[in-house]
């Protein structure tokens, strides 16, 4: 089985490492998200499109994984399990591009 991403990343509290695990977000875009939130708190997940380099297509891909409240709960799970989010990329057994098989560390 392949690992898929499950859970949510709180845009206001997730670490740059956690944000970089999102599909289409690497270290540079994660750093840009952190820089943006240091200036202005995200009130809605849709506001991520205000971050340079993140457009509507990227937002649509990220939407199942974004929140602006609560803890960051991102984790890798086996595809096809009840933990895999329905309709999320990889939920039907395809691996999410850019993800390794390393579990995410717990956020502080």
PDB file of N, CA and C in Angstrom:
ATOM      1  N   UNK A   1       0.841  -1.190   0.000  1.00  0.00           N
ATOM      2  CA  UNK A   1       0.000   0.000   0.000  1.00  0.00           C
ATOM      3  C   UNK A   1       0.882   1.247   0.000  1.00  0.00           C
ATOM      4  N   UNK A   2       0.352   2.312  -0.526  1.00  0.00           N
ATOM      5  CA  UNK A   2       1.063   3.583  -0.572  1.00  0.00           C
ATOM      6  C   UNK A   2       0.578   4.494   0.545  1.00  0.00           C
ATOM      7  N   UNK A   3       1.460   5.374   0.962  1.00  0.00           N
ATOM      8  CA  UNK A   3       1.105   6.342   1.993  1.00  0.00           C
ATOM      9  C   UNK A   3       0.459   7.564   1.354  1.00  0.00           C
ATOM     10  N   UNK A   4      -0.584   8.082   1.990  1.00  0.00           N
ATOM     11  CA  UNK A   4      -1.244   9.305   1.557  1.00  0.00           C
ATOM     12  C   UNK A   4      -1.308  10.262   2.736  1.00  0.00           C
ATOM     13  N   UNK A   5      -1.478  11.514   2.447  1.00  0.00           N
ATOM     14  CA  UNK A   5      -1.552  12.537   3.473  1.00  0.00           C
ATOM     15  C   UNK A   5      -2.970  12.627   4.023  1.00  0.00           C
ATOM     16  N   UNK A   6      -3.093  12.734   5.326  1.00  0.00           N
ATOM     17  CA  UNK A   6      -4.392  12.890   5.977  1.00  0.00           C
ATOM     18  C   UNK A   6      -4.249  13.954   7.055  1.00  0.00           C
ATOM     19  N   UNK A   7      -5.358  14.519   7.461  1.00  0.00           N
ATOM     20  CA  UNK A   7      -5.353  15.530   8.514  1.00  0.00           C
ATOM     21  C   UNK A   7      -5.339  16.930   7.938  1.00  0.00           C
ATOM     22  N   UNK A   8      -5.114  17.885   8.816  1.00  0.00           N
ATOM     23  CA  UNK A   8      -5.159  19.306   8.450  1.00  0.00           C
ATOM     24  C   UNK A   8      -3.894  20.016   8.904  1.00  0.00           C
ATOM     25  N   UNK A   9      -3.543  21.054   8.164  1.00  0.00           N
ATOM     26  CA  UNK A   9      -2.458  21.960   8.560  1.00  0.00           C
ATOM     27  C   UNK A   9      -3.101  23.292   8.913  1.00  0.00           C
ATOM     28  N   UNK A  10      -2.908  23.726  10.138  1.00  0.00           N
ATOM     29  CA  UNK A  10      -3.399  25.037  10.541  1.00  0.00           C
ATOM     30  C   UNK A  10      -2.435  26.066   9.976  1.00  0.00           C
ATOM     31  N   UNK A  11      -2.906  26.896   9.051  1.00  0.00           N
ATOM     32  CA  UNK A  11      -2.054  27.884   8.399  1.00  0.00           C
ATOM     33  C   UNK A  11      -1.438  28.870   9.384  1.00  0.00           C
ATOM     34  N   UNK A  12      -2.044  29.038  10.542  1.00  0.00           N
ATOM     35  CA  UNK A  12      -1.552  30.018  11.512  1.00  0.00           C
ATOM     36  C   UNK A  12      -0.571  29.447  12.527  1.00  0.00           C
ATOM     37  N   UNK A  13      -0.474  28.115  12.623  1.00  0.00           N
ATOM     38  CA  UNK A  13       0.401  27.538  13.641  1.00  0.00           C
ATOM     39  C   UNK A  13       1.339  26.443  13.131  1.00  0.00           C
ATOM     40  N   UNK A  14       1.103  25.899  11.953  1.00  0.00           N
ATOM     41  CA  UNK A  14       1.941  24.815  11.440  1.00  0.00           C
ATOM     42  C   UNK A  14       3.368  25.308  11.218  1.00  0.00           C
ATOM     43  N   UNK A  15       4.320  24.434  11.457  1.00  0.00           N
ATOM     44  CA  UNK A  15       5.713  24.769  11.206  1.00  0.00           C
ATOM     45  C   UNK A  15       5.967  24.784   9.704  1.00  0.00           C
ATOM     46  N   UNK A  16       7.065  25.401   9.296  1.00  0.00           N
ATOM     47  CA  UNK A  16       7.435  25.408   7.886  1.00  0.00           C
ATOM     48  C   UNK A  16       7.634  23.972   7.388  1.00  0.00           C
ATOM     49  N   UNK A  17       8.183  23.096   8.227  1.00  0.00           N
ATOM     50  CA  UNK A  17       8.369  21.699   7.843  1.00  0.00           C
ATOM     51  C   UNK A  17       7.018  21.038   7.580  1.00  0.00           C
ATOM     52  N   UNK A  18       6.050  21.259   8.457  1.00  0.00           N
ATOM     53  CA  UNK A  18       4.719  20.665   8.266  1.00  0.00           C
ATOM     54  C   UNK A  18       4.067  21.201   6.995  1.00  0.00           C
ATOM     55  N   UNK A  19       4.167  22.501   6.763  1.00  0.00           N
ATOM     56  CA  UNK A  19       3.574  23.097   5.568  1.00  0.00           C
ATOM     57  C   UNK A  19       4.231  22.558   4.300  1.00  0.00           C
ATOM     58  N   UNK A  20       5.525  22.295   4.360  1.00  0.00           N
ATOM     59  CA  UNK A  20       6.247  21.789   3.191  1.00  0.00           C
ATOM     60  C   UNK A  20       5.799  20.384   2.805  1.00  0.00           C
ATOM     61  N   UNK A  21       5.106  19.685   3.674  1.00  0.00           N
ATOM     62  CA  UNK A  21       4.615  18.338   3.367  1.00  0.00           C
ATOM     63  C   UNK A  21       3.341  18.370   2.531  1.00  0.00           C
ATOM     64  N   UNK A  22       2.714  19.534   2.428  1.00  0.00           N
ATOM     65  CA  UNK A  22       1.491  19.658   1.634  1.00  0.00           C
ATOM     66  C   UNK A  22       1.807  19.487   0.148  1.00  0.00           C
ATOM     67  N   UNK A  23       0.890  18.898  -0.620  1.00  0.00           N
ATOM     68  CA  UNK A  23       1.128  18.709  -2.058  1.00  0.00           C
ATOM     69  C   UNK A  23       1.352  20.048  -2.763  1.00  0.00           C
ATOM     70  N   UNK A  24       2.458  20.154  -3.487  1.00  0.00           N
ATOM     71  CA  UNK A  24       2.757  21.370  -4.239  1.00  0.00           C
ATOM     72  C   UNK A  24       3.441  22.453  -3.433  1.00  0.00           C
ATOM     73  N   UNK A  25       3.672  22.199  -2.150  1.00  0.00           N
ATOM     74  CA  UNK A  25       4.327  23.182  -1.297  1.00  0.00           C
ATOM     75  C   UNK A  25       5.674  22.603  -0.879  1.00  0.00           C
ATOM     76  N   UNK A  26       6.724  23.294  -1.192  1.00  0.00           N
ATOM     77  CA  UNK A  26       8.060  22.885  -0.772  1.00  0.00           C
ATOM     78  C   UNK A  26       8.580  23.856   0.268  1.00  0.00           C
ATOM     79  N   UNK A  27       9.858  23.796   0.555  1.00  0.00           N
ATOM     80  CA  UNK A  27      10.432  24.664   1.581  1.00  0.00           C
ATOM     81  C   UNK A  27      10.266  26.162   1.295  1.00  0.00           C
ATOM     82  N   UNK A  28      10.405  26.566   0.042  1.00  0.00           N
ATOM     83  CA  UNK A  28      10.290  28.003  -0.278  1.00  0.00           C
ATOM     84  C   UNK A  28       8.866  28.524  -0.076  1.00  0.00           C
ATOM     85  N   UNK A  29       7.896  27.793  -0.584  1.00  0.00           N
ATOM     86  CA  UNK A  29       6.508  28.244  -0.419  1.00  0.00           C
ATOM     87  C   UNK A  29       6.086  28.150   1.045  1.00  0.00           C
ATOM     88  N   UNK A  30       6.580  27.136   1.754  1.00  0.00           N
ATOM     89  CA  UNK A  30       6.267  27.023   3.183  1.00  0.00           C
ATOM     90  C   UNK A  30       6.811  28.239   3.926  1.00  0.00           C
ATOM     91  N   UNK A  31       8.030  28.644   3.600  1.00  0.00           N
ATOM     92  CA  UNK A  31       8.622  29.826   4.233  1.00  0.00           C
ATOM     93  C   UNK A  31       7.818  31.077   3.885  1.00  0.00           C
ATOM     94  N   UNK A  32       7.318  31.155   2.653  1.00  0.00           N
ATOM     95  CA  UNK A  32       6.498  32.301   2.241  1.00  0.00           C
ATOM     96  C   UNK A  32       5.180  32.336   3.017  1.00  0.00           C
ATOM     97  N   UNK A  33       4.598  31.170   3.289  1.00  0.00           N
ATOM     98  CA  UNK A  33       3.360  31.105   4.086  1.00  0.00           C
ATOM     99  C   UNK A  33       3.634  31.609   5.506  1.00  0.00           C
ATOM    100  N   UNK A  34       4.725  31.151   6.096  1.00  0.00           N
ATOM    101  CA  UNK A  34       5.071  31.580   7.456  1.00  0.00           C
ATOM    102  C   UNK A  34       5.328  33.085   7.484  1.00  0.00           C
ATOM    103  N   UNK A  35       6.055  33.596   6.491  1.00  0.00           N
ATOM    104  CA  UNK A  35       6.328  35.033   6.423  1.00  0.00           C
ATOM    105  C   UNK A  35       5.029  35.827   6.299  1.00  0.00           C
ATOM    106  N   UNK A  36       4.117  35.345   5.461  1.00  0.00           N
ATOM    107  CA  UNK A  36       2.829  36.027   5.281  1.00  0.00           C
ATOM    108  C   UNK A  36       2.043  36.048   6.587  1.00  0.00           C
ATOM    109  N   UNK A  37       1.961  34.911   7.283  1.00  0.00           N
ATOM    110  CA  UNK A  37       1.159  34.860   8.508  1.00  0.00           C
ATOM    111  C   UNK A  37       1.779  35.667   9.635  1.00  0.00           C
ATOM    112  N   UNK A  38       3.108  35.880   9.583  1.00  0.00           N
ATOM    113  CA  UNK A  38       3.741  36.728  10.591  1.00  0.00           C
ATOM    114  C   UNK A  38       3.310  38.181  10.434  1.00  0.00           C
ATOM    115  N   UNK A  39       2.920  38.561   9.224  1.00  0.00           N
ATOM    116  CA  UNK A  39       2.431  39.912   8.961  1.00  0.00           C
ATOM    117  C   UNK A  39       0.923  40.018   9.146  1.00  0.00           C
ATOM    118  N   UNK A  40       0.216  38.960   8.760  1.00  0.00           N
ATOM    119  CA  UNK A  40      -1.249  38.975   8.792  1.00  0.00           C
ATOM    120  C   UNK A  40      -1.767  37.563   9.016  1.00  0.00           C
ATOM    121  N   UNK A  41      -2.544  37.380  10.064  1.00  0.00           N
ATOM    122  CA  UNK A  41      -3.120  36.073  10.379  1.00  0.00           C
ATOM    123  C   UNK A  41      -4.113  35.656   9.304  1.00  0.00           C
ATOM    124  N   UNK A  42      -4.100  34.378   8.972  1.00  0.00           N
ATOM    125  CA  UNK A  42      -5.089  33.840   8.040  1.00  0.00           C
ATOM    126  C   UNK A  42      -6.417  33.706   8.774  1.00  0.00           C
ATOM    127  N   UNK A  43      -7.474  34.302   8.219  1.00  0.00           N
ATOM    128  CA  UNK A  43      -8.812  34.142   8.797  1.00  0.00           C
ATOM    129  C   UNK A  43      -9.606  33.056   8.092  1.00  0.00           C
ATOM    130  N   UNK A  44      -9.254  32.779   6.827  1.00  0.00           N
ATOM    131  CA  UNK A  44      -9.913  31.760   6.016  1.00  0.00           C
ATOM    132  C   UNK A  44      -8.844  31.015   5.224  1.00  0.00           C
ATOM    133  N   UNK A  45      -9.002  29.717   5.007  1.00  0.00           N
ATOM    134  CA  UNK A  45      -8.007  28.978   4.213  1.00  0.00           C
ATOM    135  C   UNK A  45      -7.806  29.571   2.817  1.00  0.00           C
ATOM    136  N   UNK A  46      -8.856  30.130   2.237  1.00  0.00           N
ATOM    137  CA  UNK A  46      -8.779  30.693   0.891  1.00  0.00           C
ATOM    138  C   UNK A  46      -7.750  31.814   0.790  1.00  0.00           C
ATOM    139  N   UNK A  47      -7.413  32.434   1.903  1.00  0.00           N
ATOM    140  CA  UNK A  47      -6.463  33.542   1.888  1.00  0.00           C
ATOM    141  C   UNK A  47      -5.042  33.096   1.558  1.00  0.00           C
ATOM    142  N   UNK A  48      -4.811  31.804   1.465  1.00  0.00           N
ATOM    143  CA  UNK A  48      -3.483  31.319   1.090  1.00  0.00           C
ATOM    144  C   UNK A  48      -3.103  31.782  -0.311  1.00  0.00           C
ATOM    145  N   UNK A  49      -4.094  32.103  -1.148  1.00  0.00           N
ATOM    146  CA  UNK A  49      -3.790  32.571  -2.508  1.00  0.00           C
ATOM    147  C   UNK A  49      -3.131  33.947  -2.495  1.00  0.00           C
ATOM    148  N   UNK A  50      -3.115  34.623  -1.364  1.00  0.00           N
ATOM    149  CA  UNK A  50      -2.421  35.914  -1.249  1.00  0.00           C
ATOM    150  C   UNK A  50      -0.915  35.734  -1.090  1.00  0.00           C
ATOM    151  N   UNK A  51      -0.484  34.496  -0.857  1.00  0.00           N
ATOM    152  CA  UNK A  51       0.939  34.196  -0.733  1.00  0.00           C
ATOM    153  C   UNK A  51       1.520  34.056  -2.133  1.00  0.00           C
ATOM    154  N   UNK A  52       2.600  34.751  -2.379  1.00  0.00           N
ATOM    155  CA  UNK A  52       3.232  34.722  -3.705  1.00  0.00           C
ATOM    156  C   UNK A  52       3.578  33.279  -4.082  1.00  0.00           C
ATOM    157  N   UNK A  53       3.199  32.892  -5.292  1.00  0.00           N
ATOM    158  CA  UNK A  53       3.501  31.556  -5.795  1.00  0.00           C
ATOM    159  C   UNK A  53       2.401  30.538  -5.552  1.00  0.00           C
ATOM    160  N   UNK A  54       1.333  30.948  -4.854  1.00  0.00           N
ATOM    161  CA  UNK A  54       0.220  30.033  -4.604  1.00  0.00           C
ATOM    162  C   UNK A  54      -1.027  30.616  -5.259  1.00  0.00           C
ATOM    163  N   UNK A  55      -1.516  29.920  -6.259  1.00  0.00           N
ATOM    164  CA  UNK A  55      -2.695  30.381  -6.982  1.00  0.00           C
ATOM    165  C   UNK A  55      -3.912  29.535  -6.667  1.00  0.00           C
ATOM    166  N   UNK A  56      -4.953  29.775  -7.419  1.00  0.00           N
ATOM    167  CA  UNK A  56      -6.217  29.063  -7.187  1.00  0.00           C
ATOM    168  C   UNK A  56      -6.102  27.555  -7.431  1.00  0.00           C
ATOM    169  N   UNK A  57      -5.343  27.167  -8.441  1.00  0.00           N
ATOM    170  CA  UNK A  57      -5.194  25.728  -8.720  1.00  0.00           C
ATOM    171  C   UNK A  57      -4.499  25.037  -7.548  1.00  0.00           C
ATOM    172  N   UNK A  58      -3.471  25.669  -7.015  1.00  0.00           N
ATOM    173  CA  UNK A  58      -2.782  25.100  -5.856  1.00  0.00           C
ATOM    174  C   UNK A  58      -3.725  25.061  -4.661  1.00  0.00           C
ATOM    175  N   UNK A  59      -4.492  26.129  -4.471  1.00  0.00           N
ATOM    176  CA  UNK A  59      -5.444  26.140  -3.355  1.00  0.00           C
ATOM    177  C   UNK A  59      -6.435  24.986  -3.472  1.00  0.00           C
ATOM    178  N   UNK A  60      -6.956  24.744  -4.662  1.00  0.00           N
ATOM    179  CA  UNK A  60      -7.919  23.644  -4.837  1.00  0.00           C
ATOM    180  C   UNK A  60      -7.296  22.298  -4.442  1.00  0.00           C
ATOM    181  N   UNK A  61      -6.022  22.117  -4.775  1.00  0.00           N
ATOM    182  CA  UNK A  61      -5.325  20.874  -4.427  1.00  0.00           C
ATOM    183  C   UNK A  61      -5.092  20.786  -2.909  1.00  0.00           C
ATOM    184  N   UNK A  62      -4.888  21.929  -2.265  1.00  0.00           N
ATOM    185  CA  UNK A  62      -4.582  21.966  -0.832  1.00  0.00           C
ATOM    186  C   UNK A  62      -5.815  22.002   0.061  1.00  0.00           C
ATOM    187  N   UNK A  63      -6.923  22.444  -0.474  1.00  0.00           N
ATOM    188  CA  UNK A  63      -8.121  22.716   0.328  1.00  0.00           C
ATOM    189  C   UNK A  63      -8.473  21.625   1.340  1.00  0.00           C
ATOM    190  N   UNK A  64      -8.422  20.338   0.985  1.00  0.00           N
ATOM    191  CA  UNK A  64      -8.794  19.315   1.972  1.00  0.00           C
ATOM    192  C   UNK A  64      -7.870  19.274   3.191  1.00  0.00           C
ATOM    193  N   UNK A  65      -6.691  19.887   3.078  1.00  0.00           N
ATOM    194  CA  UNK A  65      -5.692  19.796   4.141  1.00  0.00           C
ATOM    195  C   UNK A  65      -5.521  21.078   4.943  1.00  0.00           C
ATOM    196  N   UNK A  66      -6.269  22.131   4.636  1.00  0.00           N
ATOM    197  CA  UNK A  66      -6.041  23.427   5.266  1.00  0.00           C
ATOM    198  C   UNK A  66      -7.091  23.779   6.309  1.00  0.00           C
ATOM    199  N   UNK A  67      -6.633  24.438   7.366  1.00  0.00           N
ATOM    200  CA  UNK A  67      -7.536  25.007   8.361  1.00  0.00           C
ATOM    201  C   UNK A  67      -6.880  26.270   8.906  1.00  0.00           C
ATOM    202  N   UNK A  68      -7.640  27.041   9.650  1.00  0.00           N
ATOM    203  CA  UNK A  68      -7.106  28.241  10.289  1.00  0.00           C
ATOM    204  C   UNK A  68      -7.345  28.226  11.796  1.00  0.00           C
ATOM    205  N   UNK A  69      -7.837  27.118  12.292  1.00  0.00           N
ATOM    206  CA  UNK A  69      -8.026  26.954  13.737  1.00  0.00           C
ATOM    207  C   UNK A  69      -7.832  25.495  14.097  1.00  0.00           C
ATOM    208  N   UNK A  70      -7.584  25.247  15.357  1.00  0.00           N
ATOM    209  CA  UNK A  70      -7.337  23.885  15.810  1.00  0.00           C
ATOM    210  C   UNK A  70      -5.894  23.472  15.568  1.00  0.00           C
ATOM    211  N   UNK A  71      -5.562  22.265  16.001  1.00  0.00           N
ATOM    212  CA  UNK A  71      -4.177  21.800  15.856  1.00  0.00           C
ATOM    213  C   UNK A  71      -3.871  21.335  14.435  1.00  0.00           C
ATOM    214  N   UNK A  72      -2.598  21.295  14.117  1.00  0.00           N
ATOM    215  CA  UNK A  72      -2.152  20.678  12.874  1.00  0.00           C
ATOM    216  C   UNK A  72      -2.107  19.181  13.110  1.00  0.00           C
ATOM    217  N   UNK A  73      -2.800  18.434  12.259  1.00  0.00           N
ATOM    218  CA  UNK A  73      -2.919  16.986  12.451  1.00  0.00           C
ATOM    219  C   UNK A  73      -2.420  16.197  11.243  1.00  0.00           C
ATOM    220  N   UNK A  74      -1.611  16.819  10.385  1.00  0.00           N
ATOM    221  CA  UNK A  74      -1.119  16.132   9.195  1.00  0.00           C
ATOM    222  C   UNK A  74      -0.361  14.872   9.571  1.00  0.00           C
ATOM    223  N   UNK A  75      -0.608  13.816   8.788  1.00  0.00           N
ATOM    224  CA  UNK A  75       0.120  12.566   8.981  1.00  0.00           C
ATOM    225  C   UNK A  75      -0.008  11.746   7.714  1.00  0.00           C
ATOM    226  N   UNK A  76       0.895  10.813   7.552  1.00  0.00           N
ATOM    227  CA  UNK A  76       0.822   9.882   6.441  1.00  0.00           C
ATOM    228  C   UNK A  76       0.092   8.639   6.899  1.00  0.00           C
ATOM    229  N   UNK A  77      -0.848   8.169   6.082  1.00  0.00           N
ATOM    230  CA  UNK A  77      -1.597   6.950   6.385  1.00  0.00           C
ATOM    231  C   UNK A  77      -1.559   6.051   5.161  1.00  0.00           C
ATOM    232  N   UNK A  78      -1.850   4.803   5.355  1.00  0.00           N
ATOM    233  CA  UNK A  78      -1.919   3.856   4.244  1.00  0.00           C
ATOM    234  C   UNK A  78      -3.147   4.163   3.391  1.00  0.00           C
ATOM    235  N   UNK A  79      -2.966   4.219   2.089  1.00  0.00           N
ATOM    236  CA  UNK A  79      -4.083   4.455   1.167  1.00  0.00           C
ATOM    237  C   UNK A  79      -5.103   3.343   1.324  1.00  0.00           C
ATOM    238  N   UNK A  80      -6.360   3.708   1.230  1.00  0.00           N
ATOM    239  CA  UNK A  80      -7.425   2.727   1.320  1.00  0.00           C
ATOM    240  C   UNK A  80      -7.884   2.441   2.736  1.00  0.00           C
ATOM    241  N   UNK A  81      -7.241   3.062   3.744  1.00  0.00           N
ATOM    242  CA  UNK A  81      -7.691   2.873   5.118  1.00  0.00           C
ATOM    243  C   UNK A  81      -8.781   3.879   5.431  1.00  0.00           C
ATOM    244  N   UNK A  82      -9.454   3.681   6.534  1.00  0.00           N
ATOM    245  CA  UNK A  82     -10.514   4.613   6.920  1.00  0.00           C
ATOM    246  C   UNK A  82      -9.934   5.958   7.332  1.00  0.00           C
ATOM    247  N   UNK A  83      -8.624   6.041   7.609  1.00  0.00           N
ATOM    248  CA  UNK A  83      -7.992   7.313   7.956  1.00  0.00           C
ATOM    249  C   UNK A  83      -7.748   8.188   6.737  1.00  0.00           C
ATOM    250  N   UNK A  84      -7.674   7.585   5.539  1.00  0.00           N
ATOM    251  CA  UNK A  84      -7.418   8.358   4.331  1.00  0.00           C
ATOM    252  C   UNK A  84      -8.650   9.196   4.014  1.00  0.00           C
ATOM    253  N   UNK A  85      -8.485  10.511   3.811  1.00  0.00           N
ATOM    254  CA  UNK A  85      -9.640  11.369   3.557  1.00  0.00           C
ATOM    255  C   UNK A  85     -10.279  11.064   2.210  1.00  0.00           C
ATOM    256  N   UNK A  86     -11.577  10.872   2.193  1.00  0.00           N
ATOM    257  CA  UNK A  86     -12.308  10.591   0.955  1.00  0.00           C
ATOM    258  C   UNK A  86     -12.203  11.775   0.014  1.00  0.00           C
ATOM    259  N   UNK A  87     -11.880  11.505  -1.225  1.00  0.00           N
ATOM    260  CA  UNK A  87     -11.803  12.556  -2.228  1.00  0.00           C
ATOM    261  C   UNK A  87     -10.507  13.328  -2.212  1.00  0.00           C
ATOM    262  N   UNK A  88      -9.661  13.099  -1.226  1.00  0.00           N
ATOM    263  CA  UNK A  88      -8.382  13.800  -1.179  1.00  0.00           C
ATOM    264  C   UNK A  88      -7.413  13.147  -2.156  1.00  0.00           C
ATOM    265  N   UNK A  89      -6.422  13.901  -2.637  1.00  0.00           N
ATOM    266  CA  UNK A  89      -5.449  13.289  -3.539  1.00  0.00           C
ATOM    267  C   UNK A  89      -4.836  12.068  -2.878  1.00  0.00           C
ATOM    268  N   UNK A  90      -4.777  10.989  -3.600  1.00  0.00           N
ATOM    269  CA  UNK A  90      -4.183   9.773  -3.071  1.00  0.00           C
ATOM    270  C   UNK A  90      -5.158   8.874  -2.345  1.00  0.00           C
ATOM    271  N   UNK A  91      -6.372   9.317  -2.104  1.00  0.00           N
ATOM    272  CA  UNK A  91      -7.330   8.511  -1.335  1.00  0.00           C
ATOM    273  C   UNK A  91      -7.705   7.228  -2.055  1.00  0.00           C
ATOM    274  N   UNK A  92      -7.579   7.230  -3.376  1.00  0.00           N
ATOM    275  CA  UNK A  92      -7.921   6.027  -4.127  1.00  0.00           C
ATOM    276  C   UNK A  92      -6.713   5.134  -4.351  1.00  0.00           C
ATOM    277  N   UNK A  93      -5.627   5.375  -3.631  1.00  0.00           N
ATOM    278  CA  UNK A  93      -4.467   4.510  -3.736  1.00  0.00           C
ATOM    279  C   UNK A  93      -3.285   5.133  -4.444  1.00  0.00           C
ATOM    280  N   UNK A  94      -3.421   6.341  -4.972  1.00  0.00           N
ATOM    281  CA  UNK A  94      -2.302   7.012  -5.610  1.00  0.00           C
ATOM    282  C   UNK A  94      -1.530   7.789  -4.560  1.00  0.00           C
ATOM    283  N   UNK A  95      -0.229   7.716  -4.631  1.00  0.00           N
ATOM    284  CA  UNK A  95       0.589   8.464  -3.689  1.00  0.00           C
ATOM    285  C   UNK A  95       0.491   9.947  -4.012  1.00  0.00           C
ATOM    286  N   UNK A  96       0.558  10.791  -3.006  1.00  0.00           N
ATOM    287  CA  UNK A  96       0.560  12.230  -3.212  1.00  0.00           C
ATOM    288  C   UNK A  96       1.961  12.612  -3.665  1.00  0.00           C
ATOM    289  N   UNK A  97       2.092  13.297  -4.819  1.00  0.00           N
ATOM    290  CA  UNK A  97       3.412  13.651  -5.325  1.00  0.00           C
ATOM    291  C   UNK A  97       4.188  14.481  -4.309  1.00  0.00           C
ATOM    292  N   UNK A  98       5.475  14.201  -4.207  1.00  0.00           N
ATOM    293  CA  UNK A  98       6.338  14.981  -3.336  1.00  0.00           C
ATOM    294  C   UNK A  98       6.390  14.497  -1.911  1.00  0.00           C
ATOM    295  N   UNK A  99       5.632  13.460  -1.573  1.00  0.00           N
ATOM    296  CA  UNK A  99       5.654  12.971  -0.201  1.00  0.00           C
ATOM    297  C   UNK A  99       6.547  11.756  -0.094  1.00  0.00           C
ATOM    298  N   UNK A 100       7.365  11.757   0.926  1.00  0.00           N
ATOM    299  CA  UNK A 100       8.166  10.586   1.225  1.00  0.00           C
ATOM    300  C   UNK A 100       7.383   9.687   2.136  1.00  0.00           C
ATOM    301  N   UNK A 101       8.007   8.643   2.604  1.00  0.00           N
ATOM    302  CA  UNK A 101       7.335   7.713   3.495  1.00  0.00           C
ATOM    303  C   UNK A 101       7.664   8.014   4.956  1.00  0.00           C
ATOM    304  N   UNK A 102       8.217   9.184   5.231  1.00  0.00           N
ATOM    305  CA  UNK A 102       8.613   9.538   6.589  1.00  0.00           C
ATOM    306  C   UNK A 102       7.443  10.169   7.324  1.00  0.00           C
ATOM    307  N   UNK A 103       7.108   9.695   8.524  1.00  0.00           N
ATOM    308  CA  UNK A 103       6.026  10.326   9.271  1.00  0.00           C
ATOM    309  C   UNK A 103       6.411  11.734   9.702  1.00  0.00           C
ATOM    310  N   UNK A 104       5.426  12.578   9.834  1.00  0.00           N
ATOM    311  CA  UNK A 104       5.654  13.938  10.280  1.00  0.00           C
ATOM    312  C   UNK A 104       5.903  13.969  11.780  1.00  0.00           C
ATOM    313  N   UNK A 105       6.830  14.790  12.246  1.00  0.00           N
ATOM    314  CA  UNK A 105       7.025  14.911  13.680  1.00  0.00           C
ATOM    315  C   UNK A 105       5.867  15.660  14.303  1.00  0.00           C
ATOM    316  N   UNK A 106       5.637  15.440  15.566  1.00  0.00           N
ATOM    317  CA  UNK A 106       4.571  16.146  16.284  1.00  0.00           C
ATOM    318  C   UNK A 106       4.926  17.607  16.385  1.00  0.00           C
ATOM    319  N   UNK A 107       3.936  18.484  16.218  1.00  0.00           N
ATOM    320  CA  UNK A 107       4.215  19.910  16.346  1.00  0.00           C
ATOM    321  C   UNK A 107       4.236  20.285  17.825  1.00  0.00           C
ATOM    322  N   UNK A 108       5.028  21.308  18.146  1.00  0.00           N
ATOM    323  CA  UNK A 108       5.169  21.693  19.560  1.00  0.00           C
ATOM    324  C   UNK A 108       3.910  22.230  20.159  1.00  0.00           C
TER     325      UNK A 108
END
